[in-house]
Structures are given as C-alpha cells and as structure tokens.
Amino acid sequence: MYLNYFTFKKEELICPKCQWTGLGSELSYGDYHESTFIADFICPKCIEYIGYVQFPLIKEVEKYKFTELSQ
C-alpha cells in the first residue's frame, strides 16, 4: 500500500495479519531502496509489511508547504 509521505504518520492504520491498530508514526522501518528513495514500513507487532513511502522531491516539498500554509 502506498503511504503518503506528508500524511501517513498521522493516519490510523490496521495490520492485515495481526489486526494491530496504530498511527503511521508507530510503524517500524523495513527495507530502504536507495536507488528509488523508497522505504518500506512494517507492523511493529508482527513484522508484516504494511506499505511504502517514496521520499518527495524538493519541488513536491515546496508545493506541500505552500498548500498547507495557504489553508
């Protein structure tokens, strides 16, 4: 599952394997793929794969900041 870099830490997620429920900020890091800047996240209870985040480009960060400040 794709996790939005800017919002996943505040989202409530459920592990499909053990039914653990918690915030994205509570997930554990899995693998990190340097060539694509993708990080996998796993359940902190049973180590099941939950999803991945692709780290944003500078342009995307600037766009997000502008959008957040204008709201």
PDB file of N, CA and C in Angstrom:
ATOM      1  N   MET A   1       0.841  -1.160   0.000  1.00  0.00           N
ATOM      2  CA  MET A   1       0.000   0.000   0.000  1.00  0.00           C
ATOM      3  C   MET A   1       0.899   1.240   0.000  1.00  0.00           C
ATOM      4  N   TYR A   2       0.541   2.210  -0.823  1.00  0.00           N
ATOM      5  CA  TYR A   2       1.279   3.465  -0.878  1.00  0.00           C
ATOM      6  C   TYR A   2       0.881   4.319   0.318  1.00  0.00           C
ATOM      7  N   LEU A   3       1.862   4.840   1.042  1.00  0.00           N
ATOM      8  CA  LEU A   3       1.627   5.739   2.162  1.00  0.00           C
ATOM      9  C   LEU A   3       2.097   7.130   1.762  1.00  0.00           C
ATOM     10  N   ASN A   4       1.251   8.115   1.915  1.00  0.00           N
ATOM     11  CA  ASN A   4       1.608   9.480   1.548  1.00  0.00           C
ATOM     12  C   ASN A   4       2.653  10.009   2.522  1.00  0.00           C
ATOM     13  N   TYR A   5       3.785  10.419   2.018  1.00  0.00           N
ATOM     14  CA  TYR A   5       4.895  10.883   2.844  1.00  0.00           C
ATOM     15  C   TYR A   5       4.472  11.991   3.808  1.00  0.00           C
ATOM     16  N   PHE A   6       3.632  12.889   3.342  1.00  0.00           N
ATOM     17  CA  PHE A   6       3.280  14.056   4.134  1.00  0.00           C
ATOM     18  C   PHE A   6       2.223  13.775   5.197  1.00  0.00           C
ATOM     19  N   THR A   7       1.458  12.708   5.062  1.00  0.00           N
ATOM     20  CA  THR A   7       0.340  12.481   5.985  1.00  0.00           C
ATOM     21  C   THR A   7       0.341  11.134   6.709  1.00  0.00           C
ATOM     22  N   PHE A   8       1.139  10.173   6.281  1.00  0.00           N
ATOM     23  CA  PHE A   8       0.980   8.817   6.826  1.00  0.00           C
ATOM     24  C   PHE A   8       1.263   8.713   8.315  1.00  0.00           C
ATOM     25  N   LYS A   9       2.108   9.575   8.855  1.00  0.00           N
ATOM     26  CA  LYS A   9       2.436   9.485  10.282  1.00  0.00           C
ATOM     27  C   LYS A   9       1.245   9.816  11.170  1.00  0.00           C
ATOM     28  N   LYS A  10       0.277  10.555  10.639  1.00  0.00           N
ATOM     29  CA  LYS A  10      -0.914  10.943  11.406  1.00  0.00           C
ATOM     30  C   LYS A  10      -2.100  10.028  11.138  1.00  0.00           C
ATOM     31  N   GLU A  11      -1.980   9.151  10.146  1.00  0.00           N
ATOM     32  CA  GLU A  11      -3.090   8.271   9.770  1.00  0.00           C
ATOM     33  C   GLU A  11      -3.149   7.030  10.655  1.00  0.00           C
ATOM     34  N   GLU A  12      -4.364   6.571  10.928  1.00  0.00           N
ATOM     35  CA  GLU A  12      -4.532   5.338  11.676  1.00  0.00           C
ATOM     36  C   GLU A  12      -4.506   4.171  10.691  1.00  0.00           C
ATOM     37  N   LEU A  13      -3.684   3.180  10.973  1.00  0.00           N
ATOM     38  CA  LEU A  13      -3.506   2.035  10.082  1.00  0.00           C
ATOM     39  C   LEU A  13      -3.824   0.743  10.824  1.00  0.00           C
ATOM     40  N   ILE A  14      -4.192  -0.272  10.070  1.00  0.00           N
ATOM     41  CA  ILE A  14      -4.501  -1.586  10.642  1.00  0.00           C
ATOM     42  C   ILE A  14      -3.664  -2.632   9.931  1.00  0.00           C
ATOM     43  N   CYS A  15      -3.008  -3.486  10.696  1.00  0.00           N
ATOM     44  CA  CYS A  15      -2.224  -4.571  10.117  1.00  0.00           C
ATOM     45  C   CYS A  15      -3.172  -5.663   9.625  1.00  0.00           C
ATOM     46  N   PRO A  16      -3.030  -6.081   8.373  1.00  0.00           N
ATOM     47  CA  PRO A  16      -3.926  -7.123   7.840  1.00  0.00           C
ATOM     48  C   PRO A  16      -3.677  -8.500   8.451  1.00  0.00           C
ATOM     49  N   LYS A  17      -2.532  -8.697   9.054  1.00  0.00           N
ATOM     50  CA  LYS A  17      -2.206 -10.014   9.608  1.00  0.00           C
ATOM     51  C   LYS A  17      -2.635 -10.161  11.069  1.00  0.00           C
ATOM     52  N   CYS A  18      -2.228  -9.224  11.933  1.00  0.00           N
ATOM     53  CA  CYS A  18      -2.484  -9.382  13.373  1.00  0.00           C
ATOM     54  C   CYS A  18      -3.524  -8.399  13.914  1.00  0.00           C
ATOM     55  N   GLN A  19      -4.033  -7.527  13.041  1.00  0.00           N
ATOM     56  CA  GLN A  19      -5.041  -6.532  13.396  1.00  0.00           C
ATOM     57  C   GLN A  19      -4.535  -5.442  14.350  1.00  0.00           C
ATOM     58  N   TRP A  20      -3.215  -5.300  14.451  1.00  0.00           N
ATOM     59  CA  TRP A  20      -2.657  -4.181  15.221  1.00  0.00           C
ATOM     60  C   TRP A  20      -3.206  -2.889  14.638  1.00  0.00           C
ATOM     61  N   THR A  21      -3.542  -1.945  15.493  1.00  0.00           N
ATOM     62  CA  THR A  21      -4.035  -0.642  15.064  1.00  0.00           C
ATOM     63  C   THR A  21      -3.171   0.430  15.690  1.00  0.00           C
ATOM     64  N   GLY A  22      -2.755   1.388  14.891  1.00  0.00           N
ATOM     65  CA  GLY A  22      -1.952   2.479  15.417  1.00  0.00           C
ATOM     66  C   GLY A  22      -1.679   3.516  14.356  1.00  0.00           C
ATOM     67  N   LEU A  23      -0.970   4.535  14.749  1.00  0.00           N
ATOM     68  CA  LEU A  23      -0.617   5.613  13.822  1.00  0.00           C
ATOM     69  C   LEU A  23       0.568   5.202  12.956  1.00  0.00           C
ATOM     70  N   GLY A  24       0.643   5.817  11.793  1.00  0.00           N
ATOM     71  CA  GLY A  24       1.769   5.557  10.905  1.00  0.00           C
ATOM     72  C   GLY A  24       3.107   5.867  11.555  1.00  0.00           C
ATOM     73  N   SER A  25       3.120   6.814  12.473  1.00  0.00           N
ATOM     74  CA  SER A  25       4.365   7.160  13.168  1.00  0.00           C
ATOM     75  C   SER A  25       4.869   6.027  14.060  1.00  0.00           C
ATOM     76  N   GLU A  26       4.008   5.060  14.351  1.00  0.00           N
ATOM     77  CA  GLU A  26       4.384   3.921  15.187  1.00  0.00           C
ATOM     78  C   GLU A  26       4.931   2.739  14.385  1.00  0.00           C
ATOM     79  N   LEU A  27       4.847   2.801  13.058  1.00  0.00           N
ATOM     80  CA  LEU A  27       5.342   1.710  12.226  1.00  0.00           C
ATOM     81  C   LEU A  27       6.858   1.584  12.345  1.00  0.00           C
ATOM     82  N   SER A  28       7.362   0.415  12.061  1.00  0.00           N
ATOM     83  CA  SER A  28       8.801   0.171  12.039  1.00  0.00           C
ATOM     84  C   SER A  28       9.302   0.243  10.602  1.00  0.00           C
ATOM     85  N   TYR A  29      10.551   0.658  10.446  1.00  0.00           N
ATOM     86  CA  TYR A  29      11.155   0.671   9.116  1.00  0.00           C
ATOM     87  C   TYR A  29      11.481  -0.742   8.681  1.00  0.00           C
ATOM     88  N   GLY A  30      11.209  -1.036   7.432  1.00  0.00           N
ATOM     89  CA  GLY A  30      11.604  -2.299   6.823  1.00  0.00           C
ATOM     90  C   GLY A  30      12.820  -2.028   5.961  1.00  0.00           C
ATOM     91  N   ASP A  31      12.733  -2.394   4.702  1.00  0.00           N
ATOM     92  CA  ASP A  31      13.837  -2.162   3.765  1.00  0.00           C
ATOM     93  C   ASP A  31      13.829  -0.725   3.267  1.00  0.00           C
ATOM     94  N   TYR A  32      15.011  -0.275   2.857  1.00  0.00           N
ATOM     95  CA  TYR A  32      15.150   1.032   2.218  1.00  0.00           C
ATOM     96  C   TYR A  32      15.854   0.818   0.891  1.00  0.00           C
ATOM     97  N   HIS A  33      15.270   1.330  -0.169  1.00  0.00           N
ATOM     98  CA  HIS A  33      15.809   1.147  -1.510  1.00  0.00           C
ATOM     99  C   HIS A  33      16.457   2.453  -1.961  1.00  0.00           C
ATOM    100  N   GLU A  34      17.765   2.522  -1.903  1.00  0.00           N
ATOM    101  CA  GLU A  34      18.490   3.759  -2.189  1.00  0.00           C
ATOM    102  C   GLU A  34      18.307   4.262  -3.610  1.00  0.00           C
ATOM    103  N   SER A  35      18.206   3.375  -4.564  1.00  0.00           N
ATOM    104  CA  SER A  35      18.118   3.810  -5.966  1.00  0.00           C
ATOM    105  C   SER A  35      16.791   4.495  -6.285  1.00  0.00           C
ATOM    106  N   THR A  36      15.732   4.193  -5.513  1.00  0.00           N
ATOM    107  CA  THR A  36      14.416   4.782  -5.778  1.00  0.00           C
ATOM    108  C   THR A  36      13.913   5.658  -4.636  1.00  0.00           C
ATOM    109  N   PHE A  37      14.666   5.735  -3.554  1.00  0.00           N
ATOM    110  CA  PHE A  37      14.273   6.510  -2.363  1.00  0.00           C
ATOM    111  C   PHE A  37      12.929   6.049  -1.814  1.00  0.00           C
ATOM    112  N   ILE A  38      12.760   4.741  -1.749  1.00  0.00           N
ATOM    113  CA  ILE A  38      11.542   4.149  -1.210  1.00  0.00           C
ATOM    114  C   ILE A  38      11.880   3.417   0.084  1.00  0.00           C
ATOM    115  N   ALA A  39      11.058   3.654   1.102  1.00  0.00           N
ATOM    116  CA  ALA A  39      11.212   2.967   2.384  1.00  0.00           C
ATOM    117  C   ALA A  39       9.964   2.131   2.644  1.00  0.00           C
ATOM    118  N   ASP A  40      10.179   0.891   3.020  1.00  0.00           N
ATOM    119  CA  ASP A  40       9.077   0.008   3.390  1.00  0.00           C
ATOM    120  C   ASP A  40       8.827   0.138   4.886  1.00  0.00           C
ATOM    121  N   PHE A  41       7.567   0.023   5.278  1.00  0.00           N
ATOM    122  CA  PHE A  41       7.202   0.063   6.684  1.00  0.00           C
ATOM    123  C   PHE A  41       6.494  -1.227   7.060  1.00  0.00           C
ATOM    124  N   ILE A  42       6.773  -1.689   8.275  1.00  0.00           N
ATOM    125  CA  ILE A  42       6.231  -2.954   8.743  1.00  0.00           C
ATOM    126  C   ILE A  42       5.514  -2.767  10.080  1.00  0.00           C
ATOM    127  N   CYS A  43       4.656  -3.712  10.389  1.00  0.00           N
ATOM    128  CA  CYS A  43       3.912  -3.708  11.643  1.00  0.00           C
ATOM    129  C   CYS A  43       4.889  -3.864  12.811  1.00  0.00           C
ATOM    130  N   PRO A  44       4.771  -3.032  13.840  1.00  0.00           N
ATOM    131  CA  PRO A  44       5.688  -3.150  14.983  1.00  0.00           C
ATOM    132  C   PRO A  44       5.409  -4.376  15.856  1.00  0.00           C
ATOM    133  N   LYS A  45       4.248  -5.006  15.655  1.00  0.00           N
ATOM    134  CA  LYS A  45       3.873  -6.159  16.479  1.00  0.00           C
ATOM    135  C   LYS A  45       4.277  -7.487  15.836  1.00  0.00           C
ATOM    136  N   CYS A  46       3.966  -7.659  14.526  1.00  0.00           N
ATOM    137  CA  CYS A  46       4.192  -8.972  13.902  1.00  0.00           C
ATOM    138  C   CYS A  46       5.147  -8.922  12.697  1.00  0.00           C
ATOM    139  N   ILE A  47       5.661  -7.762  12.356  1.00  0.00           N
ATOM    140  CA  ILE A  47       6.619  -7.553  11.269  1.00  0.00           C
ATOM    141  C   ILE A  47       6.010  -7.774   9.879  1.00  0.00           C
ATOM    142  N   GLU A  48       4.688  -7.714   9.763  1.00  0.00           N
ATOM    143  CA  GLU A  48       4.021  -7.821   8.465  1.00  0.00           C
ATOM    144  C   GLU A  48       4.230  -6.518   7.690  1.00  0.00           C
ATOM    145  N   TYR A  49       4.415  -6.647   6.380  1.00  0.00           N
ATOM    146  CA  TYR A  49       4.552  -5.483   5.513  1.00  0.00           C
ATOM    147  C   TYR A  49       3.246  -4.683   5.530  1.00  0.00           C
ATOM    148  N   ILE A  50       3.341  -3.370   5.773  1.00  0.00           N
ATOM    149  CA  ILE A  50       2.161  -2.501   5.786  1.00  0.00           C
ATOM    150  C   ILE A  50       2.098  -1.642   4.536  1.00  0.00           C
ATOM    151  N   GLY A  51       3.225  -1.054   4.142  1.00  0.00           N
ATOM    152  CA  GLY A  51       3.216  -0.193   2.976  1.00  0.00           C
ATOM    153  C   GLY A  51       4.568   0.448   2.747  1.00  0.00           C
ATOM    154  N   TYR A  52       4.590   1.371   1.794  1.00  0.00           N
ATOM    155  CA  TYR A  52       5.848   2.023   1.451  1.00  0.00           C
ATOM    156  C   TYR A  52       5.648   3.519   1.266  1.00  0.00           C
ATOM    157  N   VAL A  53       6.741   4.249   1.431  1.00  0.00           N
ATOM    158  CA  VAL A  53       6.773   5.689   1.216  1.00  0.00           C
ATOM    159  C   VAL A  53       7.881   5.979   0.231  1.00  0.00           C
ATOM    160  N   GLN A  54       7.572   6.814  -0.748  1.00  0.00           N
ATOM    161  CA  GLN A  54       8.623   7.312  -1.626  1.00  0.00           C
ATOM    162  C   GLN A  54       8.899   8.742  -1.203  1.00  0.00           C
ATOM    163  N   PHE A  55      10.145   9.015  -0.846  1.00  0.00           N
ATOM    164  CA  PHE A  55      10.501  10.336  -0.364  1.00  0.00           C
ATOM    165  C   PHE A  55      10.349  11.354  -1.488  1.00  0.00           C
ATOM    166  N   PRO A  56       9.806  12.530  -1.159  1.00  0.00           N
ATOM    167  CA  PRO A  56       9.474  13.516  -2.190  1.00  0.00           C
ATOM    168  C   PRO A  56      10.682  14.272  -2.728  1.00  0.00           C
ATOM    169  N   LEU A  57      10.473  14.851  -3.897  1.00  0.00           N
ATOM    170  CA  LEU A  57      11.455  15.752  -4.484  1.00  0.00           C
ATOM    171  C   LEU A  57      11.305  17.123  -3.833  1.00  0.00           C
ATOM    172  N   ILE A  58      12.308  17.954  -3.964  1.00  0.00           N
ATOM    173  CA  ILE A  58      12.258  19.284  -3.360  1.00  0.00           C
ATOM    174  C   ILE A  58      11.042  20.066  -3.859  1.00  0.00           C
ATOM    175  N   LYS A  59      10.729  19.953  -5.146  1.00  0.00           N
ATOM    176  CA  LYS A  59       9.562  20.645  -5.711  1.00  0.00           C
ATOM    177  C   LYS A  59       8.275  20.221  -5.005  1.00  0.00           C
ATOM    178  N   GLU A  60       8.159  18.936  -4.707  1.00  0.00           N
ATOM    179  CA  GLU A  60       6.961  18.431  -4.046  1.00  0.00           C
ATOM    180  C   GLU A  60       6.859  18.938  -2.610  1.00  0.00           C
ATOM    181  N   VAL A  61       7.985  19.034  -1.937  1.00  0.00           N
ATOM    182  CA  VAL A  61       8.003  19.558  -0.567  1.00  0.00           C
ATOM    183  C   VAL A  61       7.582  21.022  -0.567  1.00  0.00           C
ATOM    184  N   GLU A  62       8.122  21.793  -1.481  1.00  0.00           N
ATOM    185  CA  GLU A  62       7.770  23.212  -1.569  1.00  0.00           C
ATOM    186  C   GLU A  62       6.287  23.389  -1.888  1.00  0.00           C
ATOM    187  N   LYS A  63       5.756  22.576  -2.787  1.00  0.00           N
ATOM    188  CA  LYS A  63       4.338  22.642  -3.143  1.00  0.00           C
ATOM    189  C   LYS A  63       3.473  22.304  -1.934  1.00  0.00           C
ATOM    190  N   TYR A  64       3.853  21.280  -1.180  1.00  0.00           N
ATOM    191  CA  TYR A  64       3.097  20.876   0.003  1.00  0.00           C
ATOM    192  C   TYR A  64       3.111  21.986   1.048  1.00  0.00           C
ATOM    193  N   LYS A  65       4.275  22.572   1.293  1.00  0.00           N
ATOM    194  CA  LYS A  65       4.377  23.663   2.273  1.00  0.00           C
ATOM    195  C   LYS A  65       3.487  24.830   1.871  1.00  0.00           C
ATOM    196  N   PHE A  66       3.508  25.191   0.584  1.00  0.00           N
ATOM    197  CA  PHE A  66       2.690  26.290   0.099  1.00  0.00           C
ATOM    198  C   PHE A  66       1.207  25.977   0.291  1.00  0.00           C
ATOM    199  N   THR A  67       0.802  24.755  -0.018  1.00  0.00           N
ATOM    200  CA  THR A  67      -0.587  24.346   0.110  1.00  0.00           C
ATOM    201  C   THR A  67      -1.021  24.376   1.572  1.00  0.00           C
ATOM    202  N   GLU A  68      -0.188  23.862   2.471  1.00  0.00           N
ATOM    203  CA  GLU A  68      -0.507  23.825   3.892  1.00  0.00           C
ATOM    204  C   GLU A  68      -0.604  25.228   4.487  1.00  0.00           C
ATOM    205  N   LEU A  69       0.300  26.122   4.095  1.00  0.00           N
ATOM    206  CA  LEU A  69       0.303  27.478   4.628  1.00  0.00           C
ATOM    207  C   LEU A  69      -0.875  28.296   4.131  1.00  0.00           C
ATOM    208  N   SER A  70      -1.367  27.991   2.944  1.00  0.00           N
ATOM    209  CA  SER A  70      -2.467  28.763   2.373  1.00  0.00           C
ATOM    210  C   SER A  70      -3.843  28.296   2.883  1.00  0.00           C
ATOM    211  N   GLN A  71      -3.880  27.214   3.644  1.00  0.00           N
ATOM    212  CA  GLN A  71      -5.173  26.713   4.165  1.00  0.00           C
ATOM    213  C   GLN A  71      -5.506  27.321   5.500  1.00  0.00           C
TER     214      GLN A  71
END
